[in-house]
C-alpha atoms as a PDB file:
ATOM      1  CA  UNK A   1      10.049 -26.595   9.552  1.00  0.00           C
ATOM      2  CA  UNK A   2      10.354 -25.634   5.767  1.00  0.00           C
ATOM      3  CA  UNK A   3      13.576 -23.677   4.922  1.00  0.00           C
ATOM      4  CA  UNK A   4      13.291 -20.839   2.406  1.00  0.00           C
ATOM      5  CA  UNK A   5      15.760 -18.365   0.962  1.00  0.00           C
ATOM      6  CA  UNK A   6      15.157 -14.696   1.685  1.00  0.00           C
ATOM      7  CA  UNK A   7      16.730 -11.312   2.070  1.00  0.00           C
ATOM      8  CA  UNK A   8      16.849 -10.203   5.559  1.00  0.00           C
ATOM      9  CA  UNK A   9      18.136  -7.326   7.879  1.00  0.00           C
ATOM     10  CA  UNK A  10      19.897  -8.448  10.964  1.00  0.00           C
ATOM     11  CA  UNK A  11      19.608  -5.106  12.853  1.00  0.00           C
ATOM     12  CA  UNK A  12      18.317  -1.625  12.399  1.00  0.00           C
ATOM     13  CA  UNK A  13      19.803   0.140   9.401  1.00  0.00           C
ATOM     14  CA  UNK A  14      21.767  -2.974   8.464  1.00  0.00           C
ATOM     15  CA  UNK A  15      21.813  -3.911   4.692  1.00  0.00           C
ATOM     16  CA  UNK A  16      19.606  -6.724   3.357  1.00  0.00           C
ATOM     17  CA  UNK A  17      21.567  -9.835   2.808  1.00  0.00           C
ATOM     18  CA  UNK A  18      20.866 -13.306   1.401  1.00  0.00           C
ATOM     19  CA  UNK A  19      19.787 -15.618   4.309  1.00  0.00           C
ATOM     20  CA  UNK A  20      17.508 -18.650   5.057  1.00  0.00           C
ATOM     21  CA  UNK A  21      14.501 -18.499   7.232  1.00  0.00           C
ATOM     22  CA  UNK A  22      11.989 -21.143   8.581  1.00  0.00           C
ATOM     23  CA  UNK A  23       8.439 -20.951   7.469  1.00  0.00           C
ATOM     24  CA  UNK A  24       5.833 -22.726   9.492  1.00  0.00           C
ATOM     25  CA  UNK A  25       4.280 -25.900   8.409  1.00  0.00           C
ATOM     26  CA  UNK A  26       1.095 -25.621   6.534  1.00  0.00           C
ATOM     27  CA  UNK A  27      -2.209 -26.356   8.297  1.00  0.00           C
ATOM     28  CA  UNK A  28      -5.367 -27.643   6.699  1.00  0.00           C
ATOM     29  CA  UNK A  29      -6.612 -24.159   5.991  1.00  0.00           C
ATOM     30  CA  UNK A  30      -3.276 -22.868   4.638  1.00  0.00           C
ATOM     31  CA  UNK A  31      -2.076 -22.090   1.164  1.00  0.00           C
ATOM     32  CA  UNK A  32       1.565 -22.357   0.122  1.00  0.00           C
ATOM     33  CA  UNK A  33       2.502 -19.587  -2.409  1.00  0.00           C
ATOM     34  CA  UNK A  34       5.660 -19.500  -4.713  1.00  0.00           C
ATOM     35  CA  UNK A  35       6.395 -15.737  -4.628  1.00  0.00           C
ATOM     36  CA  UNK A  36       7.039 -14.460  -8.160  1.00  0.00           C
ATOM     37  CA  UNK A  37       7.164 -10.698  -7.463  1.00  0.00           C
ATOM     38  CA  UNK A  38       7.193  -8.370  -4.393  1.00  0.00           C
ATOM     39  CA  UNK A  39       6.686  -4.587  -4.430  1.00  0.00           C
ATOM     40  CA  UNK A  40       9.006  -2.417  -2.464  1.00  0.00           C
ATOM     41  CA  UNK A  41       7.002   0.016  -0.189  1.00  0.00           C
ATOM     42  CA  UNK A  42       8.374   2.934   1.423  1.00  0.00           C
ATOM     43  CA  UNK A  43       7.233   1.473   4.760  1.00  0.00           C
ATOM     44  CA  UNK A  44       9.804  -1.299   4.197  1.00  0.00           C
ATOM     45  CA  UNK A  45      12.548   1.367   4.373  1.00  0.00           C
ATOM     46  CA  UNK A  46      11.067   2.768   7.598  1.00  0.00           C
ATOM     47  CA  UNK A  47      10.812  -0.682   9.254  1.00  0.00           C
ATOM     48  CA  UNK A  48      14.338  -1.731   8.405  1.00  0.00           C
ATOM     49  CA  UNK A  49      15.636   1.503   9.719  1.00  0.00           C
ATOM     50  CA  UNK A  50      13.444   1.232  12.802  1.00  0.00           C
ATOM     51  CA  UNK A  51      12.087   4.704  12.147  1.00  0.00           C
ATOM     52  CA  UNK A  52       8.943   4.044  14.139  1.00  0.00           C
ATOM     53  CA  UNK A  53      10.581   2.253  17.005  1.00  0.00           C
ATOM     54  CA  UNK A  54       8.978  -1.077  16.910  1.00  0.00           C
ATOM     55  CA  UNK A  55      10.889  -3.161  14.452  1.00  0.00           C
ATOM     56  CA  UNK A  56      12.116  -6.668  15.285  1.00  0.00           C
ATOM     57  CA  UNK A  57      15.064  -8.441  13.879  1.00  0.00           C
ATOM     58  CA  UNK A  58      15.973 -10.490  11.851  1.00  0.00           C
ATOM     59  CA  UNK A  59      13.419  -8.941   9.541  1.00  0.00           C
ATOM     60  CA  UNK A  60      12.324  -9.991   5.983  1.00  0.00           C
ATOM     61  CA  UNK A  61      10.307  -7.156   4.574  1.00  0.00           C
ATOM     62  CA  UNK A  62       7.707  -7.134   1.873  1.00  0.00           C
ATOM     63  CA  UNK A  63       3.886  -7.013   1.976  1.00  0.00           C
ATOM     64  CA  UNK A  64       3.065  -6.564  -1.821  1.00  0.00           C
ATOM     65  CA  UNK A  65       3.216 -10.189  -2.686  1.00  0.00           C
ATOM     66  CA  UNK A  66       2.094 -11.774  -5.930  1.00  0.00           C
ATOM     67  CA  UNK A  67       2.662 -15.479  -6.902  1.00  0.00           C
ATOM     68  CA  UNK A  68       1.303 -18.832  -7.662  1.00  0.00           C
ATOM     69  CA  UNK A  69      -0.380 -21.503  -5.398  1.00  0.00           C
ATOM     70  CA  UNK A  70       1.843 -24.604  -5.068  1.00  0.00           C
ATOM     71  CA  UNK A  71       0.040 -26.463  -2.397  1.00  0.00           C
ATOM     72  CA  UNK A  72      -3.341 -26.146  -0.477  1.00  0.00           C
ATOM     73  CA  UNK A  73      -4.555 -27.618   2.833  1.00  0.00           C
ATOM     74  CA  UNK A  74      -7.411 -30.277   2.903  1.00  0.00           C
ATOM     75  CA  UNK A  75     -10.084 -27.585   4.074  1.00  0.00           C
ATOM     76  CA  UNK A  76      -9.110 -25.083   1.449  1.00  0.00           C
ATOM     77  CA  UNK A  77     -11.987 -24.454  -0.975  1.00  0.00           C
ATOM     78  CA  UNK A  78     -11.311 -21.082  -2.768  1.00  0.00           C
ATOM     79  CA  UNK A  79      -7.986 -21.847  -4.370  1.00  0.00           C
ATOM     80  CA  UNK A  80      -6.195 -24.595  -6.273  1.00  0.00           C
ATOM     81  CA  UNK A  81      -2.690 -25.224  -7.309  1.00  0.00           C
ATOM     82  CA  UNK A  82      -1.735 -22.938 -10.151  1.00  0.00           C
ATOM     83  CA  UNK A  83      -3.942 -20.004  -9.131  1.00  0.00           C
ATOM     84  CA  UNK A  84      -2.591 -16.459  -9.330  1.00  0.00           C
ATOM     85  CA  UNK A  85      -2.844 -14.881  -5.929  1.00  0.00           C
ATOM     86  CA  UNK A  86      -1.603 -11.989  -3.694  1.00  0.00           C
ATOM     87  CA  UNK A  87      -0.869 -11.365  -0.133  1.00  0.00           C
ATOM     88  CA  UNK A  88      -1.125  -7.816   1.227  1.00  0.00           C
ATOM     89  CA  UNK A  89      -0.212  -6.206   4.611  1.00  0.00           C
ATOM     90  CA  UNK A  90      -1.589  -8.704   7.096  1.00  0.00           C
ATOM     91  CA  UNK A  91      -1.915 -12.540   7.214  1.00  0.00           C
ATOM     92  CA  UNK A  92      -4.236 -13.078  10.162  1.00  0.00           C
ATOM     93  CA  UNK A  93      -6.564 -11.169  12.552  1.00  0.00           C
ATOM     94  CA  UNK A  94      -8.875 -11.330  15.501  1.00  0.00           C
ATOM     95  CA  UNK A  95     -11.774 -13.654  14.601  1.00  0.00           C
ATOM     96  CA  UNK A  96     -13.659 -13.317  17.853  1.00  0.00           C
ATOM     97  CA  UNK A  97     -14.551  -9.481  17.988  1.00  0.00           C
ATOM     98  CA  UNK A  98     -18.171  -8.812  17.042  1.00  0.00           C
ATOM     99  CA  UNK A  99     -16.795  -6.019  14.776  1.00  0.00           C
ATOM    100  CA  UNK A 100     -15.117  -8.580  12.710  1.00  0.00           C
ATOM    101  CA  UNK A 101     -18.544  -8.873  10.856  1.00  0.00           C
ATOM    102  CA  UNK A 102     -18.294  -5.406   9.572  1.00  0.00           C
ATOM    103  CA  UNK A 103     -15.099  -6.054   7.611  1.00  0.00           C
ATOM    104  CA  UNK A 104     -12.866  -3.901   9.702  1.00  0.00           C
ATOM    105  CA  UNK A 105     -10.378  -6.647  10.653  1.00  0.00           C
ATOM    106  CA  UNK A 106      -7.434  -4.282   9.624  1.00  0.00           C
ATOM    107  CA  UNK A 107      -8.450  -1.989  12.306  1.00  0.00           C
ATOM    108  CA  UNK A 108      -8.913  -4.398  15.068  1.00  0.00           C
ATOM    109  CA  UNK A 109      -6.563  -5.436  17.959  1.00  0.00           C
ATOM    110  CA  UNK A 110      -4.853  -8.674  17.109  1.00  0.00           C
ATOM    111  CA  UNK A 111      -3.942  -7.933  13.580  1.00  0.00           C
ATOM    112  CA  UNK A 112      -1.013  -9.968  12.439  1.00  0.00           C
ATOM    113  CA  UNK A 113       1.109  -8.200   9.942  1.00  0.00           C
ATOM    114  CA  UNK A 114       2.781  -9.983   7.043  1.00  0.00           C
ATOM    115  CA  UNK A 115       6.212  -9.254   8.635  1.00  0.00           C
ATOM    116  CA  UNK A 116       7.611  -7.762  11.796  1.00  0.00           C
ATOM    117  CA  UNK A 117       4.914  -9.502  13.944  1.00  0.00           C
ATOM    118  CA  UNK A 118       4.255 -12.659  15.834  1.00  0.00           C
ATOM    119  CA  UNK A 119       1.692 -15.174  14.640  1.00  0.00           C
ATOM    120  CA  UNK A 120      -1.339 -16.265  16.725  1.00  0.00           C
ATOM    121  CA  UNK A 121       0.926 -18.603  18.900  1.00  0.00           C
ATOM    122  CA  UNK A 122       2.912 -15.543  20.132  1.00  0.00           C
ATOM    123  CA  UNK A 123       6.162 -17.191  19.280  1.00  0.00           C
ATOM    124  CA  UNK A 124       6.593 -17.607  15.592  1.00  0.00           C
ATOM    125  CA  UNK A 125       7.824 -14.506  13.693  1.00  0.00           C
ATOM    126  CA  UNK A 126       6.149 -13.493  10.410  1.00  0.00           C
ATOM    127  CA  UNK A 127       8.409 -12.880   7.527  1.00  0.00           C
ATOM    128  CA  UNK A 128       7.544 -11.028   4.454  1.00  0.00           C
ATOM    129  CA  UNK A 129       7.753 -11.264   0.645  1.00  0.00           C
ATOM    130  CA  UNK A 130      11.438 -10.753   0.034  1.00  0.00           C
ATOM    131  CA  UNK A 131      11.680 -14.537  -0.141  1.00  0.00           C
ATOM    132  CA  UNK A 132      10.831 -17.392  -2.433  1.00  0.00           C
ATOM    133  CA  UNK A 133       7.627 -18.711  -0.702  1.00  0.00           C
ATOM    134  CA  UNK A 134       5.141 -17.967   2.068  1.00  0.00           C
ATOM    135  CA  UNK A 135       2.368 -19.960   3.946  1.00  0.00           C
ATOM    136  CA  UNK A 136      -0.896 -18.040   4.468  1.00  0.00           C
ATOM    137  CA  UNK A 137      -4.330 -18.879   5.806  1.00  0.00           C
ATOM    138  CA  UNK A 138      -6.855 -19.088   2.869  1.00  0.00           C
ATOM    139  CA  UNK A 139      -8.930 -16.232   4.170  1.00  0.00           C
ATOM    140  CA  UNK A 140      -6.047 -13.777   3.834  1.00  0.00           C
ATOM    141  CA  UNK A 141      -5.093 -14.708   0.187  1.00  0.00           C
ATOM    142  CA  UNK A 142      -6.406 -12.611  -2.619  1.00  0.00           C
ATOM    143  CA  UNK A 143      -7.192 -13.517  -6.077  1.00  0.00           C
ATOM    144  CA  UNK A 144      -5.404 -11.507  -8.916  1.00  0.00           C
ATOM    145  CA  UNK A 145      -7.394 -10.984 -12.109  1.00  0.00           C
ATOM    146  CA  UNK A 146      -5.977 -12.961 -15.069  1.00  0.00           C
ATOM    147  CA  UNK A 147      -5.594  -9.695 -17.171  1.00  0.00           C
ATOM    148  CA  UNK A 148      -3.348  -7.981 -14.668  1.00  0.00           C
ATOM    149  CA  UNK A 149       0.393  -8.778 -15.052  1.00  0.00           C
ATOM    150  CA  UNK A 150       1.613 -10.111 -11.748  1.00  0.00           C
ATOM    151  CA  UNK A 151       4.748  -7.792 -11.437  1.00  0.00           C
ATOM    152  CA  UNK A 152       2.676  -4.611 -11.973  1.00  0.00           C
ATOM    153  CA  UNK A 153      -0.332  -5.868  -9.978  1.00  0.00           C
ATOM    154  CA  UNK A 154       1.976  -6.565  -6.926  1.00  0.00           C
ATOM    155  CA  UNK A 155       1.844  -3.075  -5.592  1.00  0.00           C
ATOM    156  CA  UNK A 156      -1.918  -2.891  -5.627  1.00  0.00           C
ATOM    157  CA  UNK A 157      -1.725  -5.114  -2.483  1.00  0.00           C
ATOM    158  CA  UNK A 158      -0.628  -2.108  -0.524  1.00  0.00           C
ATOM    159  CA  UNK A 159      -0.616   1.081  -2.659  1.00  0.00           C
ATOM    160  CA  UNK A 160      -3.788   0.037  -4.407  1.00  0.00           C
ATOM    161  CA  UNK A 161      -5.882  -0.673  -1.477  1.00  0.00           C
ATOM    162  CA  UNK A 162      -4.466   2.332   0.468  1.00  0.00           C
ATOM    163  CA  UNK A 163      -5.764   4.730  -2.137  1.00  0.00           C
ATOM    164  CA  UNK A 164      -9.069   2.737  -3.225  1.00  0.00           C
ATOM    165  CA  UNK A 165     -10.302   2.597   0.414  1.00  0.00           C
ATOM    166  CA  UNK A 166     -10.797   6.349   1.050  1.00  0.00           C
ATOM    167  CA  UNK A 167     -11.755   7.000  -2.465  1.00  0.00           C
ATOM    168  CA  UNK A 168     -14.648   4.355  -2.063  1.00  0.00           C
ATOM    169  CA  UNK A 169     -15.507   5.477   1.487  1.00  0.00           C
ATOM    170  CA  UNK A 170     -15.898   9.211   0.472  1.00  0.00           C
ATOM    171  CA  UNK A 171     -17.771   8.127  -2.833  1.00  0.00           C
ATOM    172  CA  UNK A 172     -15.365   9.610  -5.311  1.00  0.00           C
ATOM    173  CA  UNK A 173     -17.136   9.507  -8.646  1.00  0.00           C
ATOM    174  CA  UNK A 174     -18.872  11.750 -11.221  1.00  0.00           C
ATOM    175  CA  UNK A 175     -19.395  15.297 -10.160  1.00  0.00           C
ATOM    176  CA  UNK A 176     -16.700  14.909  -7.352  1.00  0.00           C
ATOM    177  CA  UNK A 177     -13.447  17.052  -7.501  1.00  0.00           C
ATOM    178  CA  UNK A 178     -10.681  15.053  -5.939  1.00  0.00           C
ATOM    179  CA  UNK A 179      -7.107  16.241  -5.294  1.00  0.00           C
ATOM    180  CA  UNK A 180      -4.246  13.893  -4.596  1.00  0.00           C
ATOM    181  CA  UNK A 181      -1.251  15.219  -2.819  1.00  0.00           C
ATOM    182  CA  UNK A 182       2.017  13.653  -4.004  1.00  0.00           C
ATOM    183  CA  UNK A 183       2.724  11.974  -7.328  1.00  0.00           C
ATOM    184  CA  UNK A 184       4.689   8.901  -6.102  1.00  0.00           C
ATOM    185  CA  UNK A 185       4.083   5.319  -5.498  1.00  0.00           C
ATOM    186  CA  UNK A 186       0.688   5.844  -3.906  1.00  0.00           C
ATOM    187  CA  UNK A 187      -0.370   8.965  -5.714  1.00  0.00           C
ATOM    188  CA  UNK A 188      -0.033   7.681  -9.295  1.00  0.00           C
ATOM    189  CA  UNK A 189      -2.174   4.683  -8.453  1.00  0.00           C
ATOM    190  CA  UNK A 190      -4.645   6.948  -6.895  1.00  0.00           C
ATOM    191  CA  UNK A 191      -4.848   9.194 -10.052  1.00  0.00           C
ATOM    192  CA  UNK A 192      -5.794   6.029 -12.103  1.00  0.00           C
ATOM    193  CA  UNK A 193      -8.318   4.668  -9.585  1.00  0.00           C
ATOM    194  CA  UNK A 194      -9.965   8.044  -9.040  1.00  0.00           C
ATOM    195  CA  UNK A 195     -10.273   8.723 -12.653  1.00  0.00           C
ATOM    196  CA  UNK A 196     -11.711   5.301 -13.387  1.00  0.00           C
ATOM    197  CA  UNK A 197     -14.324   5.993 -10.738  1.00  0.00           C
ATOM    198  CA  UNK A 198     -15.344   9.048 -12.664  1.00  0.00           C
ATOM    199  CA  UNK A 199     -14.094  11.734 -10.450  1.00  0.00           C
ATOM    200  CA  UNK A 200     -12.346  14.810 -11.763  1.00  0.00           C
ATOM    201  CA  UNK A 201      -8.751  14.556 -10.485  1.00  0.00           C
ATOM    202  CA  UNK A 202      -6.195  17.120  -9.634  1.00  0.00           C
ATOM    203  CA  UNK A 203      -2.540  16.428  -8.514  1.00  0.00           C
ATOM    204  CA  UNK A 204      -0.975  18.698  -5.949  1.00  0.00           C
ATOM    205  CA  UNK A 205       2.770  18.160  -6.108  1.00  0.00           C
ATOM    206  CA  UNK A 206       5.749  20.094  -4.843  1.00  0.00           C
ATOM    207  CA  UNK A 207       6.976  20.803  -8.358  1.00  0.00           C
ATOM    208  CA  UNK A 208       5.728  20.228 -11.977  1.00  0.00           C
ATOM    209  CA  UNK A 209       8.363  17.754 -12.805  1.00  0.00           C
ATOM    210  CA  UNK A 210       5.946  14.852 -13.067  1.00  0.00           C
ATOM    211  CA  UNK A 211       3.057  16.789 -14.630  1.00  0.00           C
ATOM    212  CA  UNK A 212       3.193  14.994 -17.951  1.00  0.00           C
ATOM    213  CA  UNK A 213       2.875  11.653 -16.247  1.00  0.00           C
ATOM    214  CA  UNK A 214       0.076  12.938 -13.963  1.00  0.00           C
ATOM    215  CA  UNK A 215      -1.920  14.184 -16.992  1.00  0.00           C
ATOM    216  CA  UNK A 216      -1.322  11.098 -18.970  1.00  0.00           C
ATOM    217  CA  UNK A 217      -2.482   8.762 -16.183  1.00  0.00           C
ATOM    218  CA  UNK A 218      -5.760  10.631 -15.806  1.00  0.00           C
ATOM    219  CA  UNK A 219      -5.328  13.787 -13.877  1.00  0.00           C
ATOM    220  CA  UNK A 220      -7.155  16.916 -15.633  1.00  0.00           C
ATOM    221  CA  UNK A 221      -5.185  19.455 -13.567  1.00  0.00           C
ATOM    222  CA  UNK A 222      -1.733  19.544 -12.048  1.00  0.00           C
ATOM    223  CA  UNK A 223      -0.444  22.248  -9.695  1.00  0.00           C
ATOM    224  CA  UNK A 224       2.822  22.937  -7.863  1.00  0.00           C
ATOM    225  CA  UNK A 225       2.272  23.506  -4.098  1.00  0.00           C
ATOM    226  CA  UNK A 226       5.680  25.409  -4.025  1.00  0.00           C
ATOM    227  CA  UNK A 227       3.766  28.222  -5.739  1.00  0.00           C
ATOM    228  CA  UNK A 228       1.859  30.113  -3.127  1.00  0.00           C
ATOM    229  CA  UNK A 229      -0.635  31.290  -5.786  1.00  0.00           C
ATOM    230  CA  UNK A 230      -1.890  27.621  -6.082  1.00  0.00           C
ATOM    231  CA  UNK A 231      -3.669  27.850  -2.635  1.00  0.00           C
ATOM    232  CA  UNK A 232      -5.394  31.255  -3.466  1.00  0.00           C
ATOM    233  CA  UNK A 233      -6.397  29.975  -6.893  1.00  0.00           C
ATOM    234  CA  UNK A 234      -7.893  26.603  -5.710  1.00  0.00           C
ATOM    235  CA  UNK A 235      -9.570  27.681  -2.444  1.00  0.00           C
ATOM    236  CA  UNK A 236     -12.780  25.892  -1.729  1.00  0.00           C
ATOM    237  CA  UNK A 237     -12.373  23.654  -4.792  1.00  0.00           C
ATOM    238  CA  UNK A 238     -12.286  20.057  -3.645  1.00  0.00           C
ATOM    239  CA  UNK A 239     -14.760  17.561  -2.178  1.00  0.00           C
ATOM    240  CA  UNK A 240     -11.886  15.328  -1.170  1.00  0.00           C
ATOM    241  CA  UNK A 241      -8.091  15.632  -0.719  1.00  0.00           C
ATOM    242  CA  UNK A 242      -6.035  12.504  -0.207  1.00  0.00           C
ATOM    243  CA  UNK A 243      -2.607  13.246   1.214  1.00  0.00           C
ATOM    244  CA  UNK A 244      -0.010  10.595   0.368  1.00  0.00           C
ATOM    245  CA  UNK A 245       3.083  12.407   1.571  1.00  0.00           C
ATOM    246  CA  UNK A 246       4.578  12.467   5.058  1.00  0.00           C
ATOM    247  CA  UNK A 247       6.584  15.786   4.802  1.00  0.00           C
ATOM    248  CA  UNK A 248       5.965  18.827   6.832  1.00  0.00           C
ATOM    249  CA  UNK A 249       3.170  20.909   5.304  1.00  0.00           C
ATOM    250  CA  UNK A 250       0.795  23.703   6.088  1.00  0.00           C
ATOM    251  CA  UNK A 251      -2.211  21.676   6.942  1.00  0.00           C
ATOM    252  CA  UNK A 252      -4.458  24.737   7.378  1.00  0.00           C
ATOM    253  CA  UNK A 253      -3.768  25.716   3.887  1.00  0.00           C
ATOM    254  CA  UNK A 254      -4.819  22.426   2.451  1.00  0.00           C
ATOM    255  CA  UNK A 255      -7.957  22.341   4.507  1.00  0.00           C
ATOM    256  CA  UNK A 256      -8.850  25.688   2.991  1.00  0.00           C
ATOM    257  CA  UNK A 257      -8.810  24.015  -0.369  1.00  0.00           C
ATOM    258  CA  UNK A 258     -11.906  21.940   0.615  1.00  0.00           C
ATOM    259  CA  UNK A 259     -15.516  22.825  -0.241  1.00  0.00           C
ATOM    260  CA  UNK A 260     -18.128  22.804   2.489  1.00  0.00           C
ATOM    261  CA  UNK A 261     -18.308  19.254   4.004  1.00  0.00           C
ATOM    262  CA  UNK A 262     -15.028  18.352   2.319  1.00  0.00           C
ATOM    263  CA  UNK A 263     -12.645  15.791   3.805  1.00  0.00           C
ATOM    264  CA  UNK A 264      -8.833  15.719   3.857  1.00  0.00           C
ATOM    265  CA  UNK A 265      -7.602  12.206   4.230  1.00  0.00           C
ATOM    266  CA  UNK A 266      -4.185  11.456   5.758  1.00  0.00           C
ATOM    267  CA  UNK A 267      -2.216   8.441   4.408  1.00  0.00           C
ATOM    268  CA  UNK A 268       1.345   9.487   5.074  1.00  0.00           C
ATOM    269  CA  UNK A 269       2.779   9.554   8.434  1.00  0.00           C
ATOM    270  CA  UNK A 270       4.446  12.901   9.380  1.00  0.00           C
ATOM    271  CA  UNK A 271       7.372  12.786  11.902  1.00  0.00           C
ATOM    272  CA  UNK A 272       5.922  15.624  13.899  1.00  0.00           C
ATOM    273  CA  UNK A 273       2.410  16.406  15.359  1.00  0.00           C
ATOM    274  CA  UNK A 274       0.128  17.992  12.884  1.00  0.00           C
ATOM    275  CA  UNK A 275      -0.642  21.655  13.708  1.00  0.00           C
ATOM    276  CA  UNK A 276      -4.253  22.379  12.849  1.00  0.00           C
ATOM    277  CA  UNK A 277      -6.279  25.519  13.601  1.00  0.00           C
ATOM    278  CA  UNK A 278      -9.806  24.527  14.772  1.00  0.00           C
ATOM    279  CA  UNK A 279     -11.226  27.329  12.484  1.00  0.00           C
ATOM    280  CA  UNK A 280      -9.829  25.503   9.519  1.00  0.00           C
ATOM    281  CA  UNK A 281     -12.272  22.710  10.346  1.00  0.00           C
ATOM    282  CA  UNK A 282     -15.096  24.679  11.763  1.00  0.00           C
ATOM    283  CA  UNK A 283     -15.482  27.085   8.844  1.00  0.00           C
ATOM    284  CA  UNK A 284     -16.817  24.999   5.999  1.00  0.00           C
ATOM    285  CA  UNK A 285     -17.585  22.056   8.350  1.00  0.00           C
ATOM    286  CA  UNK A 286     -14.577  20.241   7.014  1.00  0.00           C
ATOM    287  CA  UNK A 287     -13.088  16.914   8.114  1.00  0.00           C
ATOM    288  CA  UNK A 288      -9.547  15.772   8.765  1.00  0.00           C
ATOM    289  CA  UNK A 289      -9.437  11.975   8.872  1.00  0.00           C
ATOM    290  CA  UNK A 290      -6.920   9.094   8.576  1.00  0.00           C
ATOM    291  CA  UNK A 291      -7.237   5.864   6.551  1.00  0.00           C
ATOM    292  CA  UNK A 292      -5.318   2.551   6.845  1.00  0.00           C
ATOM    293  CA  UNK A 293      -5.135   0.082   4.021  1.00  0.00           C
ATOM    294  CA  UNK A 294      -8.423  -1.905   3.912  1.00  0.00           C
ATOM    295  CA  UNK A 295     -10.132  -5.226   4.821  1.00  0.00           C
ATOM    296  CA  UNK A 296      -9.634  -8.415   2.951  1.00  0.00           C
ATOM    297  CA  UNK A 297     -13.082  -8.041   1.399  1.00  0.00           C
ATOM    298  CA  UNK A 298     -12.416  -4.432   0.223  1.00  0.00           C
ATOM    299  CA  UNK A 299      -8.954  -5.425  -1.110  1.00  0.00           C
ATOM    300  CA  UNK A 300     -10.540  -8.213  -3.241  1.00  0.00           C
ATOM    301  CA  UNK A 301     -13.093  -5.634  -4.473  1.00  0.00           C
ATOM    302  CA  UNK A 302     -10.246  -3.334  -5.438  1.00  0.00           C
ATOM    303  CA  UNK A 303      -8.511  -6.019  -7.308  1.00  0.00           C
ATOM    304  CA  UNK A 304     -11.685  -6.806  -9.294  1.00  0.00           C
ATOM    305  CA  UNK A 305     -12.165  -3.005  -9.930  1.00  0.00           C
ATOM    306  CA  UNK A 306      -8.568  -2.730 -11.164  1.00  0.00           C
ATOM    307  CA  UNK A 307      -9.161  -5.749 -13.336  1.00  0.00           C
ATOM    308  CA  UNK A 308     -12.230  -4.300 -14.931  1.00  0.00           C
ATOM    309  CA  UNK A 309     -10.331  -1.017 -15.628  1.00  0.00           C
ATOM    310  CA  UNK A 310      -6.935  -2.457 -16.486  1.00  0.00           C
ATOM    311  CA  UNK A 311      -5.251  -0.558 -13.620  1.00  0.00           C
ATOM    312  CA  UNK A 312      -1.797  -1.612 -12.412  1.00  0.00           C
ATOM    313  CA  UNK A 313       1.174   0.318 -10.963  1.00  0.00           C
ATOM    314  CA  UNK A 314       3.832   1.818 -13.080  1.00  0.00           C
ATOM    315  CA  UNK A 315       6.898  -0.281 -11.991  1.00  0.00           C
ATOM    316  CA  UNK A 316      10.597  -0.575 -12.317  1.00  0.00           C
ATOM    317  CA  UNK A 317      11.586  -4.309 -11.952  1.00  0.00           C
ATOM    318  CA  UNK A 318      14.730  -5.138 -10.011  1.00  0.00           C
ATOM    319  CA  UNK A 319      16.758  -8.126  -9.113  1.00  0.00           C
ATOM    320  CA  UNK A 320      16.781  -8.906  -5.298  1.00  0.00           C
ATOM    321  CA  UNK A 321      20.466  -8.276  -5.294  1.00  0.00           C
ATOM    322  CA  UNK A 322      19.732  -4.557  -5.997  1.00  0.00           C
ATOM    323  CA  UNK A 323      17.406  -4.080  -3.148  1.00  0.00           C
ATOM    324  CA  UNK A 324      19.772  -1.943  -1.002  1.00  0.00           C
ATOM    325  CA  UNK A 325      20.373   0.386  -3.788  1.00  0.00           C
ATOM    326  CA  UNK A 326      16.658   0.431  -4.382  1.00  0.00           C
ATOM    327  CA  UNK A 327      16.087   1.537  -0.818  1.00  0.00           C
ATOM    328  CA  UNK A 328      18.619   4.410  -1.199  1.00  0.00           C
ATOM    329  CA  UNK A 329      16.914   5.460  -4.458  1.00  0.00           C
ATOM    330  CA  UNK A 330      13.482   5.313  -2.790  1.00  0.00           C
ATOM    331  CA  UNK A 331      14.642   7.598   0.006  1.00  0.00           C
ATOM    332  CA  UNK A 332      15.531  10.113  -2.781  1.00  0.00           C
ATOM    333  CA  UNK A 333      12.337   9.713  -4.668  1.00  0.00           C
ATOM    334  CA  UNK A 334      14.291   8.221  -7.605  1.00  0.00           C
ATOM    335  CA  UNK A 335      11.652   5.791  -8.942  1.00  0.00           C
ATOM    336  CA  UNK A 336       8.762   6.010 -11.274  1.00  0.00           C
ATOM    337  CA  UNK A 337       6.735   4.851  -9.584  1.00  0.00           C
ATOM    338  CA  UNK A 338       7.197   1.560  -7.703  1.00  0.00           C
ATOM    339  CA  UNK A 339      10.031  -0.968  -7.334  1.00  0.00           C
ATOM    340  CA  UNK A 340       9.101  -4.603  -7.854  1.00  0.00           C
ATOM    341  CA  UNK A 341      11.351  -7.345  -7.019  1.00  0.00           C
ATOM    342  CA  UNK A 342      11.588 -10.365  -9.498  1.00  0.00           C
ATOM    343  CA  UNK A 343      11.991 -13.126  -7.116  1.00  0.00           C
ATOM    344  CA  UNK A 344      13.432 -15.401  -9.796  1.00  0.00           C
ATOM    345  CA  UNK A 345      16.632 -13.501  -9.107  1.00  0.00           C
ATOM    346  CA  UNK A 346      16.799 -15.091  -5.706  1.00  0.00           C
ATOM    347  CA  UNK A 347      17.837 -18.378  -7.419  1.00  0.00           C
ATOM    348  CA  UNK A 348      20.816 -16.665  -9.105  1.00  0.00           C
END
């Protein structure tokens, strides 16, 4: 089995340290990727701390992977050595379900995540992008447009598709008023994508500390949710609200910001159950829905869209040796707006 360098956690809440892992041998439909950059998602922090209760160790996090193809199997037809590629949140899925044909593989049983999961054999652990290479089936590898820098494009593999999917599903575009709750790693990418789609974009954030950034990235309006006047002022204003935060909030107040037939989409995962008054939905025929990343087809569509509009994440590049400090800073919201690991530092 090929041995590769990685940074891994040995137990819940333990620091990430330099280690070696075994990657599986490539099959005829596999691609070997030299990882150049890997984004740091807040879910990596949750997984390492076992906040959701299903973490497996040892763990190598990372599902925002950008790199270069170094080898291809005999049956690979889409990629060649030297291609710029990405890997997102999953590396395999159920291929027998009839629903596979509607490009919802990311929602089907049998999804195999990029890390913290078992491969189809039920024995081999999946390890993520905090490493120098990875082996992935051709069908789960994505092409990164040539005009997008690999480091800043890496977060699109999670943050980008997480925002793009609901914006596309609810047809954000000209004539649509879209609000994005939270101006962080997800939210700032969402502002760019929604604006590029032609929607009128408003940011709803706890404070106005990032207002200049929000307006510069494409928002037309920016309001502080800590100001109770905001909710009275904006009542009935939005066709679509996308909530990127996981903090406790008054869900009924946000639902009341929707127009008739408006939708509030949940992306963040609150620790507690959501208290919603039925009248907040019934009056105005409003919807409260969830959204989870996107299919491979939709993710590739998102990357092409971002390439056409020159959309990437705003990033702070770090060495892998600084990953534990980055986790601490991420918990404090001390990043604008996404950490990306330069995997060349793994050789240091």
